[in-house]
Structures are given as structure tokens and as C-alpha cells.
Amino acid sequence: MGFQLSFSGREVSGEGTVVNLSRKGCSMETDTPIPHGEILRLRIYERDGRPLFEIDVAVVRFMVEQSVGIEFVRVQEKEMGRLERVLMNLCTGRTI
């Protein structure tokens, strides 16, 4: 997959790589320690830096070493449409 991700919260901000993506959340790899329960705003980008979609409110559900599990809590309707197109393209093998 390899989408790039930037995140910002109350206590942390940083970047990571999306390794798993669904309609309700994602997992990412990052070198930045993030506290369990931290509320984040996410921006997901294509490998070339082109923006794909944003998540207004996401919550960190776990962090094990550099792997972080994130639940999407609030997503604007237009951003959900973009996320669903990304998922459809991943499922069908089409480029984004």
C-alpha cells in the first residue's frame, strides 16, 4: 500500500506509512511514540505527495513498537467518499 500519512494531536505530531486501511480505521508504521487514546487529525497522501483524503478525528487504539492502530471517529462526507474510492481502487487493482 505505502500511502504516506501525517498526523497531529494534542501531544504529538509526525508522519508515518499506512500499512492497512479500511473504512473504519487504519494501521500505520511510525517512529513517533503516540499515547494510547490520543486524538489525531490525519492527512493521507499518495506516494508522490498528492493528497488523497483527511480524517477530522481519529483515536489511537494501540501502539506496539512502531505499529499504531487507529480508529476513524469523525470523517466529513466528501472525505469519506474519497476514502471509499481509494478502497475500491485498491480492491479492483486500478490506480488511484
PDB file of N, CA and C in Angstrom:
ATOM      1  N   MET A   1       0.854  -1.186   0.000  1.00  0.00           N
ATOM      2  CA  MET A   1       0.000   0.000   0.000  1.00  0.00           C
ATOM      3  C   MET A   1       0.890   1.236   0.000  1.00  0.00           C
ATOM      4  N   GLY A   2       1.557   1.520   1.103  1.00  0.00           N
ATOM      5  CA  GLY A   2       2.567   2.560   1.120  1.00  0.00           C
ATOM      6  C   GLY A   2       2.098   4.000   1.065  1.00  0.00           C
ATOM      7  N   PHE A   3       0.840   4.286   1.388  1.00  0.00           N
ATOM      8  CA  PHE A   3       0.420   5.684   1.439  1.00  0.00           C
ATOM      9  C   PHE A   3       1.146   6.378   2.580  1.00  0.00           C
ATOM     10  N   GLN A   4       1.450   7.634   2.390  1.00  0.00           N
ATOM     11  CA  GLN A   4       2.073   8.429   3.437  1.00  0.00           C
ATOM     12  C   GLN A   4       0.977   9.079   4.277  1.00  0.00           C
ATOM     13  N   LEU A   5       1.293   9.349   5.531  1.00  0.00           N
ATOM     14  CA  LEU A   5       0.302   9.889   6.441  1.00  0.00           C
ATOM     15  C   LEU A   5       0.987  10.919   7.331  1.00  0.00           C
ATOM     16  N   SER A   6       0.317  12.048   7.534  1.00  0.00           N
ATOM     17  CA  SER A   6       0.785  12.997   8.549  1.00  0.00           C
ATOM     18  C   SER A   6      -0.306  13.085   9.607  1.00  0.00           C
ATOM     19  N   PHE A   7       0.098  13.273  10.841  1.00  0.00           N
ATOM     20  CA  PHE A   7      -0.865  13.326  11.931  1.00  0.00           C
ATOM     21  C   PHE A   7      -0.505  14.443  12.890  1.00  0.00           C
ATOM     22  N   SER A   8      -1.531  14.973  13.534  1.00  0.00           N
ATOM     23  CA  SER A   8      -1.316  15.965  14.581  1.00  0.00           C
ATOM     24  C   SER A   8      -2.369  15.757  15.657  1.00  0.00           C
ATOM     25  N   GLY A   9      -1.935  15.905  16.889  1.00  0.00           N
ATOM     26  CA  GLY A   9      -2.821  15.747  18.036  1.00  0.00           C
ATOM     27  C   GLY A   9      -2.470  16.760  19.101  1.00  0.00           C
ATOM     28  N   ARG A  10      -3.015  16.564  20.288  1.00  0.00           N
ATOM     29  CA  ARG A  10      -2.731  17.483  21.392  1.00  0.00           C
ATOM     30  C   ARG A  10      -1.290  17.360  21.853  1.00  0.00           C
ATOM     31  N   GLU A  11      -0.775  16.119  21.878  1.00  0.00           N
ATOM     32  CA  GLU A  11       0.552  15.885  22.451  1.00  0.00           C
ATOM     33  C   GLU A  11       1.625  15.554  21.427  1.00  0.00           C
ATOM     34  N   VAL A  12       1.228  15.169  20.219  1.00  0.00           N
ATOM     35  CA  VAL A  12       2.210  14.712  19.234  1.00  0.00           C
ATOM     36  C   VAL A  12       1.835  15.172  17.830  1.00  0.00           C
ATOM     37  N   SER A  13       2.831  15.165  16.971  1.00  0.00           N
ATOM     38  CA  SER A  13       2.606  15.305  15.532  1.00  0.00           C
ATOM     39  C   SER A  13       3.747  14.584  14.850  1.00  0.00           C
ATOM     40  N   GLY A  14       3.501  14.137  13.621  1.00  0.00           N
ATOM     41  CA  GLY A  14       4.543  13.402  12.916  1.00  0.00           C
ATOM     42  C   GLY A  14       4.037  12.838  11.620  1.00  0.00           C
ATOM     43  N   GLU A  15       4.796  11.863  11.124  1.00  0.00           N
ATOM     44  CA  GLU A  15       4.478  11.226   9.853  1.00  0.00           C
ATOM     45  C   GLU A  15       4.609   9.723  10.005  1.00  0.00           C
ATOM     46  N   GLY A  16       3.960   9.019   9.071  1.00  0.00           N
ATOM     47  CA  GLY A  16       4.040   7.571   9.065  1.00  0.00           C
ATOM     48  C   GLY A  16       3.667   7.025   7.707  1.00  0.00           C
ATOM     49  N   THR A  17       3.620   5.697   7.628  1.00  0.00           N
ATOM     50  CA  THR A  17       3.238   4.995   6.411  1.00  0.00           C
ATOM     51  C   THR A  17       2.055   4.090   6.719  1.00  0.00           C
ATOM     52  N   VAL A  18       0.992   4.207   5.933  1.00  0.00           N
ATOM     53  CA  VAL A  18      -0.200   3.372   6.113  1.00  0.00           C
ATOM     54  C   VAL A  18       0.127   1.959   5.637  1.00  0.00           C
ATOM     55  N   VAL A  19      -0.129   0.968   6.490  1.00  0.00           N
ATOM     56  CA  VAL A  19       0.130  -0.421   6.114  1.00  0.00           C
ATOM     57  C   VAL A  19      -1.153  -1.236   6.008  1.00  0.00           C
ATOM     58  N   ASN A  20      -2.252  -0.705   6.498  1.00  0.00           N
ATOM     59  CA  ASN A  20      -3.543  -1.377   6.420  1.00  0.00           C
ATOM     60  C   ASN A  20      -4.601  -0.286   6.468  1.00  0.00           C
ATOM     61  N   LEU A  21      -5.640  -0.410   5.629  1.00  0.00           N
ATOM     62  CA  LEU A  21      -6.641   0.650   5.533  1.00  0.00           C
ATOM     63  C   LEU A  21      -8.018   0.048   5.370  1.00  0.00           C
ATOM     64  N   SER A  22      -8.979   0.595   6.116  1.00  0.00           N
ATOM     65  CA  SER A  22     -10.378   0.195   5.961  1.00  0.00           C
ATOM     66  C   SER A  22     -11.243   1.442   6.100  1.00  0.00           C
ATOM     67  N   ARG A  23     -12.525   1.244   5.952  1.00  0.00           N
ATOM     68  CA  ARG A  23     -13.478   2.351   6.078  1.00  0.00           C
ATOM     69  C   ARG A  23     -13.514   2.905   7.506  1.00  0.00           C
ATOM     70  N   LYS A  24     -13.177   2.067   8.492  1.00  0.00           N
ATOM     71  CA  LYS A  24     -13.302   2.458   9.897  1.00  0.00           C
ATOM     72  C   LYS A  24     -11.988   2.773  10.580  1.00  0.00           C
ATOM     73  N   GLY A  25     -10.872   2.568   9.879  1.00  0.00           N
ATOM     74  CA  GLY A  25      -9.601   2.844  10.517  1.00  0.00           C
ATOM     75  C   GLY A  25      -8.420   2.394   9.684  1.00  0.00           C
ATOM     76  N   CYS A  26      -7.257   2.466  10.304  1.00  0.00           N
ATOM     77  CA  CYS A  26      -6.048   2.047   9.606  1.00  0.00           C
ATOM     78  C   CYS A  26      -4.997   1.657  10.624  1.00  0.00           C
ATOM     79  N   SER A  27      -3.948   1.044  10.138  1.00  0.00           N
ATOM     80  CA  SER A  27      -2.748   0.890  10.945  1.00  0.00           C
ATOM     81  C   SER A  27      -1.620   1.554  10.182  1.00  0.00           C
ATOM     82  N   MET A  28      -0.671   2.065  10.931  1.00  0.00           N
ATOM     83  CA  MET A  28       0.457   2.743  10.300  1.00  0.00           C
ATOM     84  C   MET A  28       1.730   2.396  11.039  1.00  0.00           C
ATOM     85  N   GLU A  29       2.824   2.621  10.367  1.00  0.00           N
ATOM     86  CA  GLU A  29       4.150   2.498  10.950  1.00  0.00           C
ATOM     87  C   GLU A  29       4.704   3.904  11.131  1.00  0.00           C
ATOM     88  N   THR A  30       5.230   4.194  12.316  1.00  0.00           N
ATOM     89  CA  THR A  30       5.835   5.496  12.590  1.00  0.00           C
ATOM     90  C   THR A  30       6.920   5.347  13.649  1.00  0.00           C
ATOM     91  N   ASP A  31       7.886   6.235  13.605  1.00  0.00           N
ATOM     92  CA  ASP A  31       8.923   6.265  14.636  1.00  0.00           C
ATOM     93  C   ASP A  31       8.527   7.145  15.820  1.00  0.00           C
ATOM     94  N   THR A  32       7.404   7.864  15.688  1.00  0.00           N
ATOM     95  CA  THR A  32       6.947   8.783  16.729  1.00  0.00           C
ATOM     96  C   THR A  32       6.090   8.043  17.760  1.00  0.00           C
ATOM     97  N   PRO A  33       6.476   8.028  19.020  1.00  0.00           N
ATOM     98  CA  PRO A  33       5.624   7.413  20.050  1.00  0.00           C
ATOM     99  C   PRO A  33       4.323   8.215  20.199  1.00  0.00           C
ATOM    100  N   ILE A  34       3.196   7.501  20.206  1.00  0.00           N
ATOM    101  CA  ILE A  34       1.885   8.147  20.332  1.00  0.00           C
ATOM    102  C   ILE A  34       1.151   7.503  21.496  1.00  0.00           C
ATOM    103  N   PRO A  35       0.669   8.291  22.442  1.00  0.00           N
ATOM    104  CA  PRO A  35      -0.042   7.719  23.592  1.00  0.00           C
ATOM    105  C   PRO A  35      -1.359   7.047  23.187  1.00  0.00           C
ATOM    106  N   HIS A  36      -1.671   5.935  23.851  1.00  0.00           N
ATOM    107  CA  HIS A  36      -2.973   5.277  23.669  1.00  0.00           C
ATOM    108  C   HIS A  36      -4.071   6.277  23.984  1.00  0.00           C
ATOM    109  N   GLY A  37      -5.086   6.346  23.153  1.00  0.00           N
ATOM    110  CA  GLY A  37      -6.201   7.259  23.374  1.00  0.00           C
ATOM    111  C   GLY A  37      -6.003   8.647  22.797  1.00  0.00           C
ATOM    112  N   GLU A  38      -4.808   8.940  22.280  1.00  0.00           N
ATOM    113  CA  GLU A  38      -4.550  10.255  21.684  1.00  0.00           C
ATOM    114  C   GLU A  38      -5.521  10.500  20.524  1.00  0.00           C
ATOM    115  N   ILE A  39      -6.055  11.694  20.459  1.00  0.00           N
ATOM    116  CA  ILE A  39      -6.970  12.090  19.382  1.00  0.00           C
ATOM    117  C   ILE A  39      -6.150  12.812  18.320  1.00  0.00           C
ATOM    118  N   LEU A  40      -6.274  12.331  17.083  1.00  0.00           N
ATOM    119  CA  LEU A  40      -5.458  12.840  15.980  1.00  0.00           C
ATOM    120  C   LEU A  40      -6.308  13.363  14.833  1.00  0.00           C
ATOM    121  N   ARG A  41      -5.727  14.254  14.062  1.00  0.00           N
ATOM    122  CA  ARG A  41      -6.230  14.633  12.744  1.00  0.00           C
ATOM    123  C   ARG A  41      -5.240  14.026  11.753  1.00  0.00           C
ATOM    124  N   LEU A  42      -5.761  13.353  10.730  1.00  0.00           N
ATOM    125  CA  LEU A  42      -4.911  12.647   9.777  1.00  0.00           C
ATOM    126  C   LEU A  42      -5.039  13.232   8.378  1.00  0.00           C
ATOM    127  N   ARG A  43      -3.938  13.218   7.659  1.00  0.00           N
ATOM    128  CA  ARG A  43      -3.927  13.543   6.228  1.00  0.00           C
ATOM    129  C   ARG A  43      -3.189  12.408   5.532  1.00  0.00           C
ATOM    130  N   ILE A  44      -3.836  11.792   4.545  1.00  0.00           N
ATOM    131  CA  ILE A  44      -3.244  10.661   3.835  1.00  0.00           C
ATOM    132  C   ILE A  44      -2.916  11.099   2.412  1.00  0.00           C
ATOM    133  N   TYR A  45      -1.708  10.705   1.965  1.00  0.00           N
ATOM    134  CA  TYR A  45      -1.178  11.135   0.674  1.00  0.00           C
ATOM    135  C   TYR A  45      -0.770   9.934  -0.167  1.00  0.00           C
ATOM    136  N   GLU A  46      -0.833  10.115  -1.476  1.00  0.00           N
ATOM    137  CA  GLU A  46      -0.270   9.150  -2.416  1.00  0.00           C
ATOM    138  C   GLU A  46       1.250   9.186  -2.269  1.00  0.00           C
ATOM    139  N   ARG A  47       1.945   8.183  -2.777  1.00  0.00           N
ATOM    140  CA  ARG A  47       3.407   8.123  -2.660  1.00  0.00           C
ATOM    141  C   ARG A  47       4.086   9.366  -3.237  1.00  0.00           C
ATOM    142  N   ASP A  48       3.470   9.955  -4.276  1.00  0.00           N
ATOM    143  CA  ASP A  48       4.071  11.132  -4.919  1.00  0.00           C
ATOM    144  C   ASP A  48       3.741  12.437  -4.184  1.00  0.00           C
ATOM    145  N   GLY A  49       3.046  12.339  -3.035  1.00  0.00           N
ATOM    146  CA  GLY A  49       2.716  13.521  -2.252  1.00  0.00           C
ATOM    147  C   GLY A  49       1.357  14.116  -2.554  1.00  0.00           C
ATOM    148  N   ARG A  50       0.635  13.533  -3.527  1.00  0.00           N
ATOM    149  CA  ARG A  50      -0.698  14.028  -3.865  1.00  0.00           C
ATOM    150  C   ARG A  50      -1.681  13.678  -2.744  1.00  0.00           C
ATOM    151  N   PRO A  51      -2.449  14.674  -2.233  1.00  0.00           N
ATOM    152  CA  PRO A  51      -3.408  14.397  -1.147  1.00  0.00           C
ATOM    153  C   PRO A  51      -4.511  13.442  -1.604  1.00  0.00           C
ATOM    154  N   LEU A  52      -4.865  12.497  -0.729  1.00  0.00           N
ATOM    155  CA  LEU A  52      -5.956  11.556  -1.014  1.00  0.00           C
ATOM    156  C   LEU A  52      -7.204  11.892  -0.211  1.00  0.00           C
ATOM    157  N   PHE A  53      -7.079  11.951   1.113  1.00  0.00           N
ATOM    158  CA  PHE A  53      -8.226  12.281   1.969  1.00  0.00           C
ATOM    159  C   PHE A  53      -7.729  12.673   3.349  1.00  0.00           C
ATOM    160  N   GLU A  54      -8.652  13.271   4.142  1.00  0.00           N
ATOM    161  CA  GLU A  54      -8.352  13.681   5.505  1.00  0.00           C
ATOM    162  C   GLU A  54      -9.363  13.072   6.462  1.00  0.00           C
ATOM    163  N   ILE A  55      -8.922  12.823   7.666  1.00  0.00           N
ATOM    164  CA  ILE A  55      -9.782  12.330   8.737  1.00  0.00           C
ATOM    165  C   ILE A  55      -9.760  13.389   9.837  1.00  0.00           C
ATOM    166  N   ASP A  56     -10.936  13.941  10.153  1.00  0.00           N
ATOM    167  CA  ASP A  56     -11.021  15.008  11.157  1.00  0.00           C
ATOM    168  C   ASP A  56     -10.654  14.532  12.554  1.00  0.00           C
ATOM    169  N   VAL A  57     -11.217  13.389  12.961  1.00  0.00           N
ATOM    170  CA  VAL A  57     -10.981  12.880  14.315  1.00  0.00           C
ATOM    171  C   VAL A  57     -10.714  11.381  14.241  1.00  0.00           C
ATOM    172  N   ALA A  58      -9.559  10.988  14.750  1.00  0.00           N
ATOM    173  CA  ALA A  58      -9.187   9.578  14.838  1.00  0.00           C
ATOM    174  C   ALA A  58      -8.593   9.344  16.224  1.00  0.00           C
ATOM    175  N   VAL A  59      -8.749   8.116  16.722  1.00  0.00           N
ATOM    176  CA  VAL A  59      -8.263   7.786  18.065  1.00  0.00           C
ATOM    177  C   VAL A  59      -7.263   6.638  17.966  1.00  0.00           C
ATOM    178  N   VAL A  60      -6.144   6.782  18.661  1.00  0.00           N
ATOM    179  CA  VAL A  60      -5.148   5.721  18.724  1.00  0.00           C
ATOM    180  C   VAL A  60      -5.664   4.635  19.654  1.00  0.00           C
ATOM    181  N   ARG A  61      -5.802   3.416  19.121  1.00  0.00           N
ATOM    182  CA  ARG A  61      -6.306   2.291  19.912  1.00  0.00           C
ATOM    183  C   ARG A  61      -5.193   1.406  20.448  1.00  0.00           C
ATOM    184  N   PHE A  62      -4.049   1.359  19.740  1.00  0.00           N
ATOM    185  CA  PHE A  62      -2.900   0.624  20.266  1.00  0.00           C
ATOM    186  C   PHE A  62      -1.627   1.103  19.586  1.00  0.00           C
ATOM    187  N   MET A  63      -0.509   0.894  20.269  1.00  0.00           N
ATOM    188  CA  MET A  63       0.804   1.108  19.670  1.00  0.00           C
ATOM    189  C   MET A  63       1.712   0.020  20.190  1.00  0.00           C
ATOM    190  N   VAL A  64       2.256  -0.770  19.277  1.00  0.00           N
ATOM    191  CA  VAL A  64       3.200  -1.826  19.601  1.00  0.00           C
ATOM    192  C   VAL A  64       4.430  -1.598  18.742  1.00  0.00           C
ATOM    193  N   GLU A  65       5.535  -1.264  19.406  1.00  0.00           N
ATOM    194  CA  GLU A  65       6.763  -0.858  18.730  1.00  0.00           C
ATOM    195  C   GLU A  65       6.435   0.300  17.793  1.00  0.00           C
ATOM    196  N   GLN A  66       6.594   0.136  16.465  1.00  0.00           N
ATOM    197  CA  GLN A  66       6.286   1.242  15.549  1.00  0.00           C
ATOM    198  C   GLN A  66       4.932   1.096  14.872  1.00  0.00           C
ATOM    199  N   SER A  67       4.162   0.090  15.241  1.00  0.00           N
ATOM    200  CA  SER A  67       2.850  -0.147  14.631  1.00  0.00           C
ATOM    201  C   SER A  67       1.752   0.500  15.474  1.00  0.00           C
ATOM    202  N   VAL A  68       0.912   1.310  14.828  1.00  0.00           N
ATOM    203  CA  VAL A  68      -0.139   2.053  15.518  1.00  0.00           C
ATOM    204  C   VAL A  68      -1.493   1.709  14.900  1.00  0.00           C
ATOM    205  N   GLY A  69      -2.463   1.328  15.727  1.00  0.00           N
ATOM    206  CA  GLY A  69      -3.826   1.075  15.283  1.00  0.00           C
ATOM    207  C   GLY A  69      -4.685   2.295  15.549  1.00  0.00           C
ATOM    208  N   ILE A  70      -5.387   2.755  14.508  1.00  0.00           N
ATOM    209  CA  ILE A  70      -6.151   3.997  14.586  1.00  0.00           C
ATOM    210  C   ILE A  70      -7.591   3.753  14.152  1.00  0.00           C
ATOM    211  N   GLU A  71      -8.530   4.243  14.958  1.00  0.00           N
ATOM    212  CA  GLU A  71      -9.954   4.184  14.607  1.00  0.00           C
ATOM    213  C   GLU A  71     -10.399   5.556  14.109  1.00  0.00           C
ATOM    214  N   PHE A  72     -11.080   5.575  12.959  1.00  0.00           N
ATOM    215  CA  PHE A  72     -11.641   6.819  12.441  1.00  0.00           C
ATOM    216  C   PHE A  72     -12.939   7.099  13.182  1.00  0.00           C
ATOM    217  N   VAL A  73     -13.050   8.279  13.796  1.00  0.00           N
ATOM    218  CA  VAL A  73     -14.213   8.627  14.601  1.00  0.00           C
ATOM    219  C   VAL A  73     -15.123   9.609  13.873  1.00  0.00           C
ATOM    220  N   ARG A  74     -14.533  10.639  13.261  1.00  0.00           N
ATOM    221  CA  ARG A  74     -15.353  11.605  12.523  1.00  0.00           C
ATOM    222  C   ARG A  74     -14.686  11.914  11.182  1.00  0.00           C
ATOM    223  N   VAL A  75     -15.472  11.676  10.102  1.00  0.00           N
ATOM    224  CA  VAL A  75     -14.984  11.898   8.753  1.00  0.00           C
ATOM    225  C   VAL A  75     -16.043  12.694   8.004  1.00  0.00           C
ATOM    226  N   GLN A  76     -15.653  13.804   7.392  1.00  0.00           N
ATOM    227  CA  GLN A  76     -16.602  14.572   6.586  1.00  0.00           C
ATOM    228  C   GLN A  76     -17.085  13.718   5.419  1.00  0.00           C
ATOM    229  N   GLU A  77     -18.303  13.971   4.974  1.00  0.00           N
ATOM    230  CA  GLU A  77     -18.921  13.165   3.923  1.00  0.00           C
ATOM    231  C   GLU A  77     -18.074  13.127   2.652  1.00  0.00           C
ATOM    232  N   LYS A  78     -17.562  14.280   2.213  1.00  0.00           N
ATOM    233  CA  LYS A  78     -16.760  14.286   0.976  1.00  0.00           C
ATOM    234  C   LYS A  78     -15.462  13.511   1.158  1.00  0.00           C
ATOM    235  N   GLU A  79     -14.887  13.561   2.371  1.00  0.00           N
ATOM    236  CA  GLU A  79     -13.653  12.813   2.629  1.00  0.00           C
ATOM    237  C   GLU A  79     -13.932  11.311   2.687  1.00  0.00           C
ATOM    238  N   MET A  80     -15.102  10.922   3.215  1.00  0.00           N
ATOM    239  CA  MET A  80     -15.482   9.512   3.226  1.00  0.00           C
ATOM    240  C   MET A  80     -15.630   9.009   1.795  1.00  0.00           C
ATOM    241  N   GLY A  81     -16.187   9.834   0.917  1.00  0.00           N
ATOM    242  CA  GLY A  81     -16.294   9.458  -0.491  1.00  0.00           C
ATOM    243  C   GLY A  81     -14.927   9.224  -1.105  1.00  0.00           C
ATOM    244  N   ARG A  82     -13.973  10.071  -0.774  1.00  0.00           N
ATOM    245  CA  ARG A  82     -12.609   9.898  -1.280  1.00  0.00           C
ATOM    246  C   ARG A  82     -11.983   8.619  -0.736  1.00  0.00           C
ATOM    247  N   LEU A  83     -12.170   8.370   0.567  1.00  0.00           N
ATOM    248  CA  LEU A  83     -11.655   7.152   1.177  1.00  0.00           C
ATOM    249  C   LEU A  83     -12.260   5.923   0.500  1.00  0.00           C
ATOM    250  N   GLU A  84     -13.562   5.931   0.271  1.00  0.00           N
ATOM    251  CA  GLU A  84     -14.218   4.784  -0.368  1.00  0.00           C
ATOM    252  C   GLU A  84     -13.700   4.557  -1.783  1.00  0.00           C
ATOM    253  N   ARG A  85     -13.396   5.639  -2.528  1.00  0.00           N
ATOM    254  CA  ARG A  85     -12.817   5.479  -3.870  1.00  0.00           C
ATOM    255  C   ARG A  85     -11.432   4.851  -3.793  1.00  0.00           C
ATOM    256  N   VAL A  86     -10.632   5.281  -2.811  1.00  0.00           N
ATOM    257  CA  VAL A  86      -9.306   4.694  -2.623  1.00  0.00           C
ATOM    258  C   VAL A  86      -9.439   3.200  -2.352  1.00  0.00           C
ATOM    259  N   LEU A  87     -10.348   2.819  -1.443  1.00  0.00           N
ATOM    260  CA  LEU A  87     -10.547   1.406  -1.113  1.00  0.00           C
ATOM    261  C   LEU A  87     -11.026   0.615  -2.319  1.00  0.00           C
ATOM    262  N   MET A  88     -11.963   1.167  -3.096  1.00  0.00           N
ATOM    263  CA  MET A  88     -12.460   0.486  -4.289  1.00  0.00           C
ATOM    264  C   MET A  88     -11.329   0.265  -5.287  1.00  0.00           C
ATOM    265  N   ASN A  89     -10.511   1.296  -5.480  1.00  0.00           N
ATOM    266  CA  ASN A  89      -9.389   1.166  -6.409  1.00  0.00           C
ATOM    267  C   ASN A  89      -8.378   0.126  -5.931  1.00  0.00           C
ATOM    268  N   LEU A  90      -8.146   0.062  -4.632  1.00  0.00           N
ATOM    269  CA  LEU A  90      -7.247  -0.954  -4.087  1.00  0.00           C
ATOM    270  C   LEU A  90      -7.813  -2.362  -4.317  1.00  0.00           C
ATOM    271  N   CYS A  91      -9.121  -2.504  -4.138  1.00  0.00           N
ATOM    272  CA  CYS A  91      -9.768  -3.818  -4.302  1.00  0.00           C
ATOM    273  C   CYS A  91      -9.791  -4.282  -5.760  1.00  0.00           C
ATOM    274  N   THR A  92      -9.926  -3.339  -6.668  1.00  0.00           N
ATOM    275  CA  THR A  92     -10.032  -3.697  -8.089  1.00  0.00           C
ATOM    276  C   THR A  92      -8.695  -3.650  -8.803  1.00  0.00           C
ATOM    277  N   GLY A  93      -7.664  -3.140  -8.134  1.00  0.00           N
ATOM    278  CA  GLY A  93      -6.350  -3.078  -8.735  1.00  0.00           C
ATOM    279  C   GLY A  93      -6.124  -1.898  -9.652  1.00  0.00           C
ATOM    280  N   ARG A  94      -7.089  -0.982  -9.709  1.00  0.00           N
ATOM    281  CA  ARG A  94      -6.927   0.212 -10.534  1.00  0.00           C
ATOM    282  C   ARG A  94      -6.044   1.210  -9.822  1.00  0.00           C
ATOM    283  N   THR A  95      -5.445   2.098 -10.604  1.00  0.00           N
ATOM    284  CA  THR A  95      -4.673   3.173  -9.995  1.00  0.00           C
ATOM    285  C   THR A  95      -5.614   4.240  -9.474  1.00  0.00           C
ATOM    286  N   ILE A  96      -5.138   4.994  -8.530  1.00  0.00           N
ATOM    287  CA  ILE A  96      -5.974   5.982  -7.869  1.00  0.00           C
ATOM    288  C   ILE A  96      -6.112   7.232  -8.667  1.00  0.00           C
TER     289      ILE A  96
END
